Amino acid sequence: MTFHKEGHRIIFFTLTGLSIVNFLSYTFIGDNMFTKILMGFSLVFLVLILQFFRNPLRKTIVNDSHVIAPADGEVVVIEEVEETEYFKDKRIQVSIFMSPINVHVNRNPISGLVKYAKYHPGKYLVAWHPKSSTENERTTVVIANSRTEVLFRQIAGALAKRIVYYVKEGQQVQQGSEMGFIKFGSRIDLYLPLNASINVALNQKTRGGETVVATLA
């Protein structure tokens, strides 16, 4: 198990801060119940931070006919919608909600050329709010290949107030490779062609880089 680079600084300062607090507590208060409770709380808090920034190895089976999950989480939306930013037509939207306990590495759903990449500042509505896709802080990325174009959005939630993405327009990317990270919970929306066959169901758990969300016609 490794930890994502986005968490290295937070992990360092968390570990340093907790060590100092516990050292001072033990030195000036002594080995009493308060110090033991503080040490227990510190350990739990550190474990939570470590699990949030974990970066497990994923093996993506590259397949041009598949759209794979860009994130770990739970499928919360599957519906036909009007995509108004790039396609300006109807698409199938599949949304994956990431809770604070999920892996938060984001991955490219298909291989191809990044045709569009844009960051949008915005609000921090809860990630399951219907307007979070259009009003929250978010990024929009479109990847195109000889078979299709897929748009996906990283969307910040009430807790997630920092979106990081590494891709840029004109870049060639590989399916399953890392494209970004969202800190402390949020969601990703996928916009797929209407003739794509959806392979997931509502409330289904996904694994980024492995779960096949859809099969292209």
N, C-alpha and C. Protein backbone atom coordinates (compact mmCIF):
# COMPACT_ATOMS: atom_id res chain seq x y z
N MET A 1 0.84 -1.20 0.00
CA MET A 1 0.00 0.00 0.00
C MET A 1 0.88 1.24 0.00
N THR A 2 0.60 2.15 -0.89
CA THR A 2 1.30 3.43 -0.93
C THR A 2 0.30 4.56 -0.65
N PHE A 3 0.83 5.75 -0.43
CA PHE A 3 -0.01 6.90 -0.17
C PHE A 3 0.17 7.92 -1.29
N HIS A 4 -0.93 8.53 -1.67
CA HIS A 4 -0.92 9.44 -2.81
C HIS A 4 -0.09 10.68 -2.50
N LYS A 5 0.56 11.21 -3.54
CA LYS A 5 1.42 12.39 -3.36
C LYS A 5 0.65 13.59 -2.84
N GLU A 6 -0.66 13.68 -3.13
CA GLU A 6 -1.45 14.80 -2.64
C GLU A 6 -1.59 14.80 -1.12
N GLY A 7 -1.33 13.63 -0.51
CA GLY A 7 -1.48 13.53 0.93
C GLY A 7 -0.19 13.59 1.71
N HIS A 8 0.95 13.61 1.02
CA HIS A 8 2.23 13.55 1.73
C HIS A 8 2.39 14.68 2.75
N ARG A 9 2.08 15.91 2.35
CA ARG A 9 2.25 17.04 3.25
C ARG A 9 1.27 16.97 4.41
N ILE A 10 0.01 16.63 4.10
CA ILE A 10 -1.00 16.54 5.16
C ILE A 10 -0.64 15.44 6.16
N ILE A 11 -0.18 14.30 5.66
CA ILE A 11 0.21 13.20 6.53
C ILE A 11 1.38 13.63 7.43
N PHE A 12 2.36 14.32 6.84
CA PHE A 12 3.53 14.76 7.61
C PHE A 12 3.12 15.71 8.73
N PHE A 13 2.33 16.73 8.41
CA PHE A 13 1.95 17.71 9.43
C PHE A 13 1.00 17.11 10.47
N THR A 14 0.14 16.16 10.03
CA THR A 14 -0.75 15.49 10.99
C THR A 14 0.07 14.67 11.97
N LEU A 15 1.00 13.89 11.46
CA LEU A 15 1.84 13.05 12.32
C LEU A 15 2.69 13.90 13.26
N THR A 16 3.25 14.98 12.72
CA THR A 16 4.09 15.86 13.54
C THR A 16 3.26 16.54 14.64
N GLY A 17 2.10 17.07 14.25
CA GLY A 17 1.25 17.77 15.21
C GLY A 17 0.75 16.86 16.31
N LEU A 18 0.29 15.67 15.94
CA LEU A 18 -0.21 14.73 16.94
C LEU A 18 0.91 14.27 17.88
N SER A 19 2.10 14.08 17.32
CA SER A 19 3.24 13.66 18.15
C SER A 19 3.58 14.73 19.19
N ILE A 20 3.58 15.99 18.76
CA ILE A 20 3.89 17.09 19.69
C ILE A 20 2.83 17.20 20.77
N VAL A 21 1.56 17.15 20.38
CA VAL A 21 0.47 17.27 21.36
C VAL A 21 0.54 16.14 22.38
N ASN A 22 0.77 14.91 21.92
CA ASN A 22 0.81 13.79 22.84
C ASN A 22 2.06 13.83 23.73
N PHE A 23 3.18 14.28 23.17
CA PHE A 23 4.40 14.41 23.97
C PHE A 23 4.20 15.44 25.09
N LEU A 24 3.62 16.58 24.75
CA LEU A 24 3.39 17.62 25.76
C LEU A 24 2.40 17.15 26.82
N SER A 25 1.37 16.43 26.38
CA SER A 25 0.39 15.92 27.33
C SER A 25 1.03 14.95 28.31
N TYR A 26 1.83 14.05 27.79
CA TYR A 26 2.48 13.05 28.66
C TYR A 26 3.49 13.73 29.59
N THR A 27 4.20 14.75 29.07
CA THR A 27 5.24 15.42 29.86
C THR A 27 4.65 16.25 31.00
N PHE A 28 3.60 17.02 30.71
CA PHE A 28 3.09 17.98 31.70
C PHE A 28 1.88 17.47 32.49
N ILE A 29 1.17 16.51 31.97
CA ILE A 29 0.00 15.98 32.68
C ILE A 29 0.28 14.61 33.29
N GLY A 30 1.11 13.83 32.57
CA GLY A 30 1.46 12.52 33.10
C GLY A 30 0.64 11.40 32.46
N ASP A 31 0.92 10.21 32.89
CA ASP A 31 0.27 9.01 32.34
C ASP A 31 -1.05 8.78 33.05
N ASN A 32 -2.05 9.59 32.69
CA ASN A 32 -3.37 9.43 33.30
C ASN A 32 -4.43 9.13 32.24
N MET A 33 -5.69 9.10 32.66
CA MET A 33 -6.76 8.73 31.75
C MET A 33 -6.89 9.72 30.59
N PHE A 34 -6.74 11.02 30.87
CA PHE A 34 -6.84 12.03 29.81
C PHE A 34 -5.80 11.78 28.72
N THR A 35 -4.57 11.52 29.13
CA THR A 35 -3.49 11.29 28.17
C THR A 35 -3.76 10.05 27.33
N LYS A 36 -4.29 9.00 27.97
CA LYS A 36 -4.58 7.77 27.23
C LYS A 36 -5.71 7.98 26.22
N ILE A 37 -6.74 8.74 26.62
CA ILE A 37 -7.83 9.04 25.69
C ILE A 37 -7.32 9.88 24.52
N LEU A 38 -6.46 10.85 24.82
CA LEU A 38 -5.89 11.69 23.78
C LEU A 38 -5.06 10.87 22.80
N MET A 39 -4.27 9.94 23.32
CA MET A 39 -3.45 9.08 22.46
C MET A 39 -4.34 8.19 21.58
N GLY A 40 -5.42 7.70 22.17
CA GLY A 40 -6.34 6.87 21.39
C GLY A 40 -7.01 7.66 20.29
N PHE A 41 -7.47 8.87 20.61
CA PHE A 41 -8.09 9.74 19.61
C PHE A 41 -7.09 10.07 18.51
N SER A 42 -5.85 10.36 18.88
CA SER A 42 -4.82 10.70 17.90
C SER A 42 -4.56 9.55 16.94
N LEU A 43 -4.53 8.33 17.48
CA LEU A 43 -4.29 7.16 16.64
C LEU A 43 -5.43 6.96 15.64
N VAL A 44 -6.66 7.10 16.10
CA VAL A 44 -7.81 6.95 15.21
C VAL A 44 -7.79 8.00 14.12
N PHE A 45 -7.51 9.24 14.50
CA PHE A 45 -7.47 10.34 13.54
C PHE A 45 -6.39 10.11 12.49
N LEU A 46 -5.22 9.64 12.93
CA LEU A 46 -4.13 9.38 12.00
C LEU A 46 -4.50 8.26 11.03
N VAL A 47 -5.13 7.21 11.52
CA VAL A 47 -5.55 6.10 10.65
C VAL A 47 -6.54 6.58 9.60
N LEU A 48 -7.47 7.46 10.00
CA LEU A 48 -8.45 8.00 9.05
C LEU A 48 -7.76 8.80 7.94
N ILE A 49 -6.77 9.61 8.31
CA ILE A 49 -6.04 10.38 7.31
C ILE A 49 -5.27 9.45 6.38
N LEU A 50 -4.63 8.44 6.93
CA LEU A 50 -3.85 7.51 6.12
C LEU A 50 -4.73 6.74 5.14
N GLN A 51 -5.90 6.27 5.62
CA GLN A 51 -6.76 5.49 4.72
C GLN A 51 -7.34 6.37 3.62
N PHE A 52 -7.56 7.66 3.92
CA PHE A 52 -8.12 8.53 2.90
C PHE A 52 -7.15 8.72 1.74
N PHE A 53 -5.86 8.83 2.03
CA PHE A 53 -4.87 9.09 0.99
C PHE A 53 -4.20 7.81 0.46
N ARG A 54 -4.76 6.66 0.78
CA ARG A 54 -4.17 5.43 0.26
C ARG A 54 -4.29 5.38 -1.25
N ASN A 55 -3.34 4.73 -1.86
CA ASN A 55 -3.30 4.66 -3.33
C ASN A 55 -3.00 3.22 -3.74
N PRO A 56 -4.01 2.35 -3.69
CA PRO A 56 -3.78 0.94 -3.98
C PRO A 56 -3.49 0.71 -5.46
N LEU A 57 -2.74 -0.32 -5.74
CA LEU A 57 -2.43 -0.69 -7.11
C LEU A 57 -3.67 -1.26 -7.77
N ARG A 58 -4.02 -0.75 -8.93
CA ARG A 58 -5.16 -1.26 -9.69
C ARG A 58 -4.66 -1.75 -11.05
N LYS A 59 -5.23 -2.86 -11.50
CA LYS A 59 -4.86 -3.42 -12.80
C LYS A 59 -6.01 -3.21 -13.77
N THR A 60 -5.82 -2.32 -14.72
CA THR A 60 -6.84 -2.04 -15.72
C THR A 60 -6.63 -2.91 -16.94
N ILE A 61 -7.67 -3.63 -17.33
CA ILE A 61 -7.63 -4.40 -18.59
C ILE A 61 -8.10 -3.44 -19.69
N VAL A 62 -7.15 -2.92 -20.45
CA VAL A 62 -7.47 -1.91 -21.46
C VAL A 62 -8.32 -2.53 -22.56
N ASN A 63 -9.46 -1.89 -22.84
CA ASN A 63 -10.40 -2.38 -23.85
C ASN A 63 -11.11 -1.17 -24.45
N ASP A 64 -10.96 -0.96 -25.76
CA ASP A 64 -11.53 0.21 -26.40
C ASP A 64 -13.05 0.21 -26.42
N SER A 65 -13.67 -0.93 -26.18
CA SER A 65 -15.13 -0.99 -26.18
C SER A 65 -15.72 -0.77 -24.78
N HIS A 66 -14.84 -0.61 -23.79
CA HIS A 66 -15.30 -0.43 -22.41
C HIS A 66 -15.06 1.00 -21.93
N VAL A 67 -15.96 1.47 -21.07
CA VAL A 67 -15.75 2.69 -20.29
C VAL A 67 -15.62 2.24 -18.84
N ILE A 68 -14.48 2.49 -18.24
CA ILE A 68 -14.25 1.99 -16.89
C ILE A 68 -14.52 3.09 -15.86
N ALA A 69 -14.77 2.67 -14.64
CA ALA A 69 -15.08 3.62 -13.56
C ALA A 69 -13.87 4.53 -13.30
N PRO A 70 -14.08 5.84 -13.30
CA PRO A 70 -12.98 6.76 -12.99
C PRO A 70 -12.69 6.89 -11.51
N ALA A 71 -13.54 6.28 -10.66
CA ALA A 71 -13.35 6.44 -9.21
C ALA A 71 -13.99 5.30 -8.45
N ASP A 72 -13.51 5.09 -7.23
CA ASP A 72 -14.18 4.21 -6.28
C ASP A 72 -15.41 4.93 -5.75
N GLY A 73 -16.45 4.19 -5.41
CA GLY A 73 -17.62 4.83 -4.82
C GLY A 73 -18.89 4.05 -5.08
N GLU A 74 -20.00 4.78 -5.10
CA GLU A 74 -21.32 4.18 -5.28
C GLU A 74 -22.05 4.90 -6.40
N VAL A 75 -22.68 4.13 -7.28
CA VAL A 75 -23.44 4.71 -8.38
C VAL A 75 -24.73 5.31 -7.82
N VAL A 76 -24.90 6.63 -8.01
CA VAL A 76 -26.06 7.32 -7.44
C VAL A 76 -27.00 7.89 -8.50
N VAL A 77 -26.54 7.96 -9.75
CA VAL A 77 -27.38 8.48 -10.84
C VAL A 77 -27.12 7.68 -12.10
N ILE A 78 -28.20 7.25 -12.76
CA ILE A 78 -28.14 6.72 -14.13
C ILE A 78 -29.37 7.28 -14.84
N GLU A 79 -29.16 8.26 -15.73
CA GLU A 79 -30.31 8.86 -16.39
C GLU A 79 -29.89 9.58 -17.67
N GLU A 80 -30.86 9.77 -18.54
CA GLU A 80 -30.64 10.52 -19.77
C GLU A 80 -30.80 12.01 -19.46
N VAL A 81 -29.80 12.81 -19.86
CA VAL A 81 -29.82 14.24 -19.57
C VAL A 81 -29.36 15.02 -20.79
N GLU A 82 -29.54 16.33 -20.72
CA GLU A 82 -29.00 17.24 -21.72
C GLU A 82 -27.67 17.75 -21.21
N GLU A 83 -26.59 17.47 -21.93
CA GLU A 83 -25.26 17.95 -21.53
C GLU A 83 -25.04 19.29 -22.24
N THR A 84 -24.89 20.36 -21.47
CA THR A 84 -24.94 21.70 -22.04
C THR A 84 -23.60 22.39 -22.21
N GLU A 85 -22.54 21.84 -21.67
CA GLU A 85 -21.25 22.53 -21.74
C GLU A 85 -20.47 22.23 -23.01
N TYR A 86 -20.41 20.96 -23.40
CA TYR A 86 -19.55 20.56 -24.52
C TYR A 86 -20.35 19.92 -25.65
N PHE A 87 -21.07 18.85 -25.36
CA PHE A 87 -21.80 18.14 -26.42
C PHE A 87 -23.03 18.92 -26.88
N LYS A 88 -23.71 19.54 -25.90
CA LYS A 88 -24.96 20.25 -26.19
C LYS A 88 -25.99 19.34 -26.85
N ASP A 89 -26.08 18.14 -26.35
CA ASP A 89 -27.11 17.19 -26.78
C ASP A 89 -27.36 16.21 -25.65
N LYS A 90 -28.18 15.22 -25.91
CA LYS A 90 -28.55 14.26 -24.87
C LYS A 90 -27.46 13.20 -24.70
N ARG A 91 -27.22 12.83 -23.47
CA ARG A 91 -26.24 11.81 -23.09
C ARG A 91 -26.78 11.01 -21.92
N ILE A 92 -26.17 9.88 -21.67
CA ILE A 92 -26.49 9.11 -20.46
C ILE A 92 -25.50 9.54 -19.38
N GLN A 93 -26.04 10.02 -18.28
CA GLN A 93 -25.21 10.42 -17.15
C GLN A 93 -25.13 9.29 -16.14
N VAL A 94 -23.91 8.94 -15.76
CA VAL A 94 -23.67 7.98 -14.68
C VAL A 94 -22.81 8.70 -13.64
N SER A 95 -23.33 8.80 -12.42
CA SER A 95 -22.62 9.53 -11.37
C SER A 95 -22.16 8.57 -10.28
N ILE A 96 -20.93 8.76 -9.83
CA ILE A 96 -20.34 7.93 -8.77
C ILE A 96 -20.02 8.84 -7.58
N PHE A 97 -20.63 8.54 -6.44
CA PHE A 97 -20.38 9.30 -5.22
C PHE A 97 -19.25 8.68 -4.43
N MET A 98 -18.29 9.52 -4.02
CA MET A 98 -17.16 9.08 -3.22
C MET A 98 -17.33 9.58 -1.79
N SER A 99 -17.44 8.68 -0.85
CA SER A 99 -17.51 9.06 0.56
C SER A 99 -16.09 9.26 1.09
N PRO A 100 -15.93 9.85 2.27
CA PRO A 100 -14.58 10.06 2.81
C PRO A 100 -13.78 8.78 3.02
N ILE A 101 -14.43 7.63 3.06
CA ILE A 101 -13.68 6.38 3.28
C ILE A 101 -13.25 5.72 1.98
N ASN A 102 -13.67 6.26 0.83
CA ASN A 102 -13.27 5.68 -0.45
C ASN A 102 -11.87 6.13 -0.85
N VAL A 103 -11.24 5.36 -1.75
CA VAL A 103 -10.03 5.80 -2.42
C VAL A 103 -10.42 6.99 -3.31
N HIS A 104 -9.63 8.06 -3.29
CA HIS A 104 -10.00 9.28 -4.01
C HIS A 104 -9.13 9.58 -5.22
N VAL A 105 -8.37 8.61 -5.67
CA VAL A 105 -7.64 8.73 -6.93
C VAL A 105 -8.64 8.66 -8.07
N ASN A 106 -8.52 9.55 -9.05
CA ASN A 106 -9.40 9.55 -10.22
C ASN A 106 -8.62 9.08 -11.44
N ARG A 107 -9.31 8.31 -12.30
CA ARG A 107 -8.64 7.65 -13.42
C ARG A 107 -9.36 7.93 -14.74
N ASN A 108 -8.61 7.83 -15.84
CA ASN A 108 -9.19 8.05 -17.15
C ASN A 108 -10.11 6.89 -17.54
N PRO A 109 -11.36 7.18 -17.93
CA PRO A 109 -12.30 6.09 -18.24
C PRO A 109 -12.04 5.41 -19.57
N ILE A 110 -11.41 6.11 -20.52
CA ILE A 110 -11.05 5.52 -21.80
C ILE A 110 -9.66 6.02 -22.19
N SER A 111 -9.07 5.38 -23.19
CA SER A 111 -7.83 5.87 -23.77
C SER A 111 -8.16 6.85 -24.89
N GLY A 112 -7.27 7.79 -25.15
CA GLY A 112 -7.49 8.70 -26.26
C GLY A 112 -6.83 10.05 -26.06
N LEU A 113 -7.33 11.03 -26.81
CA LEU A 113 -6.79 12.38 -26.79
C LEU A 113 -7.68 13.29 -25.94
N VAL A 114 -7.07 14.05 -25.05
CA VAL A 114 -7.83 15.01 -24.26
C VAL A 114 -8.18 16.20 -25.17
N LYS A 115 -9.46 16.32 -25.51
CA LYS A 115 -9.90 17.38 -26.41
C LYS A 115 -10.35 18.64 -25.67
N TYR A 116 -10.67 18.47 -24.39
CA TYR A 116 -11.22 19.60 -23.64
C TYR A 116 -10.91 19.37 -22.16
N ALA A 117 -10.42 20.41 -21.51
CA ALA A 117 -10.15 20.33 -20.07
C ALA A 117 -10.31 21.72 -19.49
N LYS A 118 -11.26 21.87 -18.57
CA LYS A 118 -11.55 23.19 -18.03
C LYS A 118 -11.93 23.10 -16.56
N TYR A 119 -11.39 24.02 -15.79
CA TYR A 119 -11.71 24.14 -14.37
C TYR A 119 -12.78 25.21 -14.17
N HIS A 120 -13.79 24.91 -13.33
CA HIS A 120 -14.85 25.86 -13.03
C HIS A 120 -14.89 26.11 -11.52
N PRO A 121 -14.63 27.33 -11.06
CA PRO A 121 -14.87 27.64 -9.64
C PRO A 121 -16.36 27.59 -9.37
N GLY A 122 -16.74 27.39 -8.12
CA GLY A 122 -18.16 27.33 -7.82
C GLY A 122 -18.46 27.13 -6.36
N LYS A 123 -19.67 26.66 -6.09
CA LYS A 123 -20.15 26.46 -4.74
C LYS A 123 -19.67 25.13 -4.18
N TYR A 124 -20.10 24.83 -2.95
CA TYR A 124 -19.76 23.56 -2.31
C TYR A 124 -21.02 22.92 -1.73
N LEU A 125 -22.01 22.75 -2.61
CA LEU A 125 -23.22 22.03 -2.21
C LEU A 125 -22.84 20.57 -1.93
N VAL A 126 -23.66 19.88 -1.14
CA VAL A 126 -23.40 18.46 -0.91
C VAL A 126 -23.37 17.75 -2.25
N ALA A 127 -22.53 16.75 -2.37
CA ALA A 127 -22.25 16.13 -3.67
C ALA A 127 -23.46 15.48 -4.32
N TRP A 128 -24.46 15.09 -3.51
CA TRP A 128 -25.64 14.45 -4.10
C TRP A 128 -26.72 15.45 -4.48
N HIS A 129 -26.46 16.72 -4.27
CA HIS A 129 -27.45 17.74 -4.64
C HIS A 129 -27.59 17.78 -6.16
N PRO A 130 -28.83 17.88 -6.69
CA PRO A 130 -29.03 17.87 -8.15
C PRO A 130 -28.26 18.96 -8.89
N LYS A 131 -28.04 20.11 -8.24
CA LYS A 131 -27.36 21.21 -8.90
C LYS A 131 -25.85 21.20 -8.73
N SER A 132 -25.32 20.19 -8.02
CA SER A 132 -23.87 20.18 -7.78
C SER A 132 -23.09 20.01 -9.08
N SER A 133 -23.68 19.34 -10.08
CA SER A 133 -23.00 19.11 -11.35
C SER A 133 -22.74 20.40 -12.12
N THR A 134 -23.58 21.40 -11.88
CA THR A 134 -23.47 22.64 -12.66
C THR A 134 -23.10 23.85 -11.82
N GLU A 135 -23.20 23.77 -10.50
CA GLU A 135 -22.94 24.94 -9.66
C GLU A 135 -21.74 24.79 -8.74
N ASN A 136 -21.29 23.57 -8.47
CA ASN A 136 -20.15 23.38 -7.58
C ASN A 136 -18.83 23.60 -8.29
N GLU A 137 -17.78 23.77 -7.50
CA GLU A 137 -16.43 23.73 -8.06
C GLU A 137 -16.26 22.41 -8.79
N ARG A 138 -15.70 22.44 -10.00
CA ARG A 138 -15.65 21.21 -10.79
C ARG A 138 -14.62 21.36 -11.93
N THR A 139 -14.26 20.24 -12.51
CA THR A 139 -13.51 20.23 -13.76
C THR A 139 -14.32 19.46 -14.78
N THR A 140 -14.15 19.80 -16.04
CA THR A 140 -14.76 19.05 -17.13
C THR A 140 -13.65 18.60 -18.06
N VAL A 141 -13.61 17.30 -18.34
CA VAL A 141 -12.59 16.73 -19.22
C VAL A 141 -13.29 15.87 -20.27
N VAL A 142 -12.87 16.03 -21.53
CA VAL A 142 -13.39 15.21 -22.62
C VAL A 142 -12.23 14.46 -23.25
N ILE A 143 -12.39 13.14 -23.34
CA ILE A 143 -11.40 12.29 -24.01
C ILE A 143 -12.05 11.69 -25.25
N ALA A 144 -11.34 11.72 -26.37
CA ALA A 144 -11.87 11.20 -27.63
C ALA A 144 -10.91 10.19 -28.22
N ASN A 145 -11.48 9.15 -28.84
CA ASN A 145 -10.69 8.20 -29.62
C ASN A 145 -11.50 7.84 -30.87
N SER A 146 -11.05 6.84 -31.60
CA SER A 146 -11.70 6.51 -32.87
C SER A 146 -13.11 5.96 -32.69
N ARG A 147 -13.46 5.56 -31.46
CA ARG A 147 -14.77 4.97 -31.21
C ARG A 147 -15.78 5.95 -30.63
N THR A 148 -15.31 6.86 -29.79
CA THR A 148 -16.28 7.68 -29.06
C THR A 148 -15.62 8.90 -28.44
N GLU A 149 -16.43 9.74 -27.82
CA GLU A 149 -15.98 10.81 -26.95
C GLU A 149 -16.70 10.64 -25.61
N VAL A 150 -15.96 10.75 -24.53
CA VAL A 150 -16.55 10.63 -23.19
C VAL A 150 -16.19 11.88 -22.40
N LEU A 151 -17.20 12.48 -21.80
CA LEU A 151 -17.00 13.63 -20.92
C LEU A 151 -17.17 13.17 -19.48
N PHE A 152 -16.30 13.66 -18.60
CA PHE A 152 -16.48 13.37 -17.18
C PHE A 152 -16.08 14.57 -16.35
N ARG A 153 -16.75 14.70 -15.20
CA ARG A 153 -16.54 15.85 -14.32
C ARG A 153 -16.12 15.40 -12.93
N GLN A 154 -15.08 16.03 -12.41
CA GLN A 154 -14.77 15.95 -10.99
C GLN A 154 -15.58 17.05 -10.32
N ILE A 155 -16.35 16.71 -9.30
CA ILE A 155 -17.22 17.68 -8.65
C ILE A 155 -16.91 17.73 -7.16
N ALA A 156 -16.60 18.92 -6.67
CA ALA A 156 -16.34 19.10 -5.25
C ALA A 156 -17.64 19.04 -4.48
N GLY A 157 -17.57 18.57 -3.22
CA GLY A 157 -18.73 18.53 -2.35
C GLY A 157 -18.59 19.49 -1.19
N ALA A 158 -19.38 19.27 -0.15
CA ALA A 158 -19.35 20.16 1.02
C ALA A 158 -18.02 20.09 1.74
N LEU A 159 -17.37 18.92 1.74
CA LEU A 159 -16.08 18.76 2.41
C LEU A 159 -14.92 18.88 1.45
N ALA A 160 -15.13 18.42 0.21
CA ALA A 160 -14.04 18.44 -0.77
C ALA A 160 -13.91 19.82 -1.38
N LYS A 161 -12.86 20.52 -0.99
CA LYS A 161 -12.69 21.89 -1.48
C LYS A 161 -11.35 22.06 -2.19
N ARG A 162 -10.86 20.96 -2.71
CA ARG A 162 -9.68 21.06 -3.55
C ARG A 162 -9.70 19.94 -4.57
N ILE A 163 -9.86 20.32 -5.82
CA ILE A 163 -9.82 19.37 -6.93
C ILE A 163 -8.46 19.50 -7.60
N VAL A 164 -7.83 18.38 -7.88
CA VAL A 164 -6.55 18.36 -8.58
C VAL A 164 -6.72 17.52 -9.84
N TYR A 165 -6.29 18.06 -10.97
CA TYR A 165 -6.29 17.24 -12.19
C TYR A 165 -5.00 17.48 -12.95
N TYR A 166 -4.51 16.43 -13.60
CA TYR A 166 -3.18 16.44 -14.19
C TYR A 166 -3.20 16.44 -15.72
N VAL A 167 -4.34 16.25 -16.33
CA VAL A 167 -4.40 16.16 -17.79
C VAL A 167 -4.58 17.55 -18.39
N LYS A 168 -4.22 17.68 -19.66
CA LYS A 168 -4.38 18.95 -20.37
C LYS A 168 -4.76 18.68 -21.82
N GLU A 169 -5.34 19.67 -22.45
CA GLU A 169 -5.78 19.51 -23.83
C GLU A 169 -4.60 19.16 -24.73
N GLY A 170 -4.86 18.21 -25.65
CA GLY A 170 -3.82 17.76 -26.57
C GLY A 170 -2.99 16.61 -26.07
N GLN A 171 -3.22 16.17 -24.84
CA GLN A 171 -2.45 15.08 -24.24
C GLN A 171 -3.08 13.74 -24.56
N GLN A 172 -2.26 12.75 -24.88
CA GLN A 172 -2.72 11.38 -25.05
C GLN A 172 -2.72 10.70 -23.69
N VAL A 173 -3.82 10.04 -23.34
CA VAL A 173 -3.91 9.35 -22.05
C VAL A 173 -4.33 7.91 -22.25
N GLN A 174 -4.02 7.10 -21.27
CA GLN A 174 -4.35 5.68 -21.32
C GLN A 174 -5.46 5.35 -20.33
N GLN A 175 -6.33 4.50 -20.75
CA GLN A 175 -7.44 4.04 -19.90
C GLN A 175 -6.90 3.50 -18.57
N GLY A 176 -7.47 3.99 -17.48
CA GLY A 176 -7.08 3.52 -16.16
C GLY A 176 -5.93 4.27 -15.53
N SER A 177 -5.24 5.11 -16.31
CA SER A 177 -4.14 5.88 -15.73
C SER A 177 -4.68 7.02 -14.87
N GLU A 178 -3.88 7.47 -13.94
CA GLU A 178 -4.32 8.50 -13.00
C GLU A 178 -4.48 9.85 -13.70
N MET A 179 -5.63 10.51 -13.45
CA MET A 179 -5.85 11.84 -14.03
C MET A 179 -6.04 12.93 -12.98
N GLY A 180 -6.26 12.56 -11.72
CA GLY A 180 -6.46 13.58 -10.71
C GLY A 180 -6.83 13.01 -9.36
N PHE A 181 -7.24 13.92 -8.47
CA PHE A 181 -7.54 13.55 -7.08
C PHE A 181 -8.49 14.60 -6.52
N ILE A 182 -9.47 14.16 -5.72
CA ILE A 182 -10.36 15.10 -5.03
C ILE A 182 -10.23 14.82 -3.53
N LYS A 183 -9.96 15.86 -2.76
CA LYS A 183 -9.73 15.67 -1.33
C LYS A 183 -11.03 15.70 -0.53
N PHE A 184 -11.21 14.66 0.27
CA PHE A 184 -12.27 14.58 1.29
C PHE A 184 -13.68 14.50 0.74
N GLY A 185 -13.92 13.57 -0.15
CA GLY A 185 -15.28 13.21 -0.55
C GLY A 185 -15.85 14.07 -1.66
N SER A 186 -16.53 13.46 -2.61
CA SER A 186 -17.17 14.18 -3.70
C SER A 186 -17.80 13.19 -4.66
N ARG A 187 -17.86 13.58 -5.97
CA ARG A 187 -18.43 12.67 -6.96
C ARG A 187 -17.84 12.95 -8.33
N ILE A 188 -18.03 11.97 -9.22
CA ILE A 188 -17.65 12.13 -10.62
C ILE A 188 -18.86 11.78 -11.48
N ASP A 189 -19.13 12.63 -12.47
CA ASP A 189 -20.19 12.40 -13.44
C ASP A 189 -19.57 11.98 -14.77
N LEU A 190 -20.10 10.91 -15.34
CA LEU A 190 -19.73 10.46 -16.68
C LEU A 190 -20.87 10.77 -17.63
N TYR A 191 -20.56 11.25 -18.85
CA TYR A 191 -21.58 11.48 -19.87
C TYR A 191 -21.24 10.61 -21.07
N LEU A 192 -22.13 9.65 -21.35
CA LEU A 192 -21.87 8.60 -22.33
C LEU A 192 -22.84 8.69 -23.50
N PRO A 193 -22.46 8.13 -24.67
CA PRO A 193 -23.38 8.11 -25.81
C PRO A 193 -24.68 7.38 -25.46
N LEU A 194 -25.77 7.78 -26.09
CA LEU A 194 -27.07 7.17 -25.80
C LEU A 194 -27.12 5.69 -26.15
N ASN A 195 -26.28 5.27 -27.11
CA ASN A 195 -26.32 3.86 -27.51
C ASN A 195 -25.35 2.98 -26.71
N ALA A 196 -24.73 3.55 -25.66
CA ALA A 196 -23.86 2.75 -24.79
C ALA A 196 -24.71 1.83 -23.91
N SER A 197 -24.22 0.64 -23.69
CA SER A 197 -24.91 -0.31 -22.79
C SER A 197 -24.35 -0.14 -21.38
N ILE A 198 -25.21 0.26 -20.46
CA ILE A 198 -24.77 0.50 -19.08
C ILE A 198 -24.65 -0.83 -18.34
N ASN A 199 -23.50 -1.05 -17.72
CA ASN A 199 -23.21 -2.32 -17.05
C ASN A 199 -23.29 -2.24 -15.53
N VAL A 200 -23.66 -1.08 -15.01
CA VAL A 200 -23.77 -0.93 -13.56
C VAL A 200 -25.20 -0.57 -13.20
N ALA A 201 -25.54 -0.71 -11.92
CA ALA A 201 -26.88 -0.40 -11.44
C ALA A 201 -26.79 0.62 -10.31
N LEU A 202 -27.90 1.26 -10.02
CA LEU A 202 -27.93 2.19 -8.90
C LEU A 202 -27.52 1.51 -7.60
N ASN A 203 -26.76 2.21 -6.79
CA ASN A 203 -26.26 1.74 -5.49
C ASN A 203 -25.15 0.70 -5.60
N GLN A 204 -24.73 0.40 -6.81
CA GLN A 204 -23.62 -0.54 -6.98
C GLN A 204 -22.30 0.13 -6.61
N LYS A 205 -21.40 -0.63 -5.98
CA LYS A 205 -20.08 -0.14 -5.65
C LYS A 205 -19.15 -0.28 -6.86
N THR A 206 -18.29 0.70 -7.05
CA THR A 206 -17.34 0.65 -8.16
C THR A 206 -15.91 0.71 -7.64
N ARG A 207 -15.00 0.19 -8.45
CA ARG A 207 -13.57 0.27 -8.18
C ARG A 207 -12.92 1.01 -9.34
N GLY A 208 -12.33 2.15 -9.04
CA GLY A 208 -11.71 2.94 -10.09
C GLY A 208 -10.65 2.17 -10.84
N GLY A 209 -10.71 2.22 -12.16
CA GLY A 209 -9.74 1.54 -13.00
C GLY A 209 -10.06 0.09 -13.28
N GLU A 210 -11.13 -0.44 -12.68
CA GLU A 210 -11.44 -1.87 -12.85
C GLU A 210 -12.90 -2.12 -13.24
N THR A 211 -13.85 -1.48 -12.58
CA THR A 211 -15.26 -1.73 -12.87
C THR A 211 -15.63 -1.20 -14.25
N VAL A 212 -16.25 -2.05 -15.07
CA VAL A 212 -16.72 -1.62 -16.40
C VAL A 212 -18.09 -0.97 -16.23
N VAL A 213 -18.13 0.34 -16.45
CA VAL A 213 -19.38 1.09 -16.30
C VAL A 213 -20.29 0.90 -17.50
N ALA A 214 -19.69 0.87 -18.70
CA ALA A 214 -20.51 0.77 -19.90
C ALA A 214 -19.72 0.09 -21.01
N THR A 215 -20.48 -0.50 -21.95
CA THR A 215 -19.91 -1.07 -23.17
C THR A 215 -20.38 -0.23 -24.34
N LEU A 216 -19.44 0.19 -25.16
CA LEU A 216 -19.77 1.05 -26.30
C LEU A 216 -20.31 0.24 -27.45
N ALA A 217 -21.23 0.85 -28.21
CA ALA A 217 -21.83 0.16 -29.36
C ALA A 217 -20.77 -0.02 -30.44
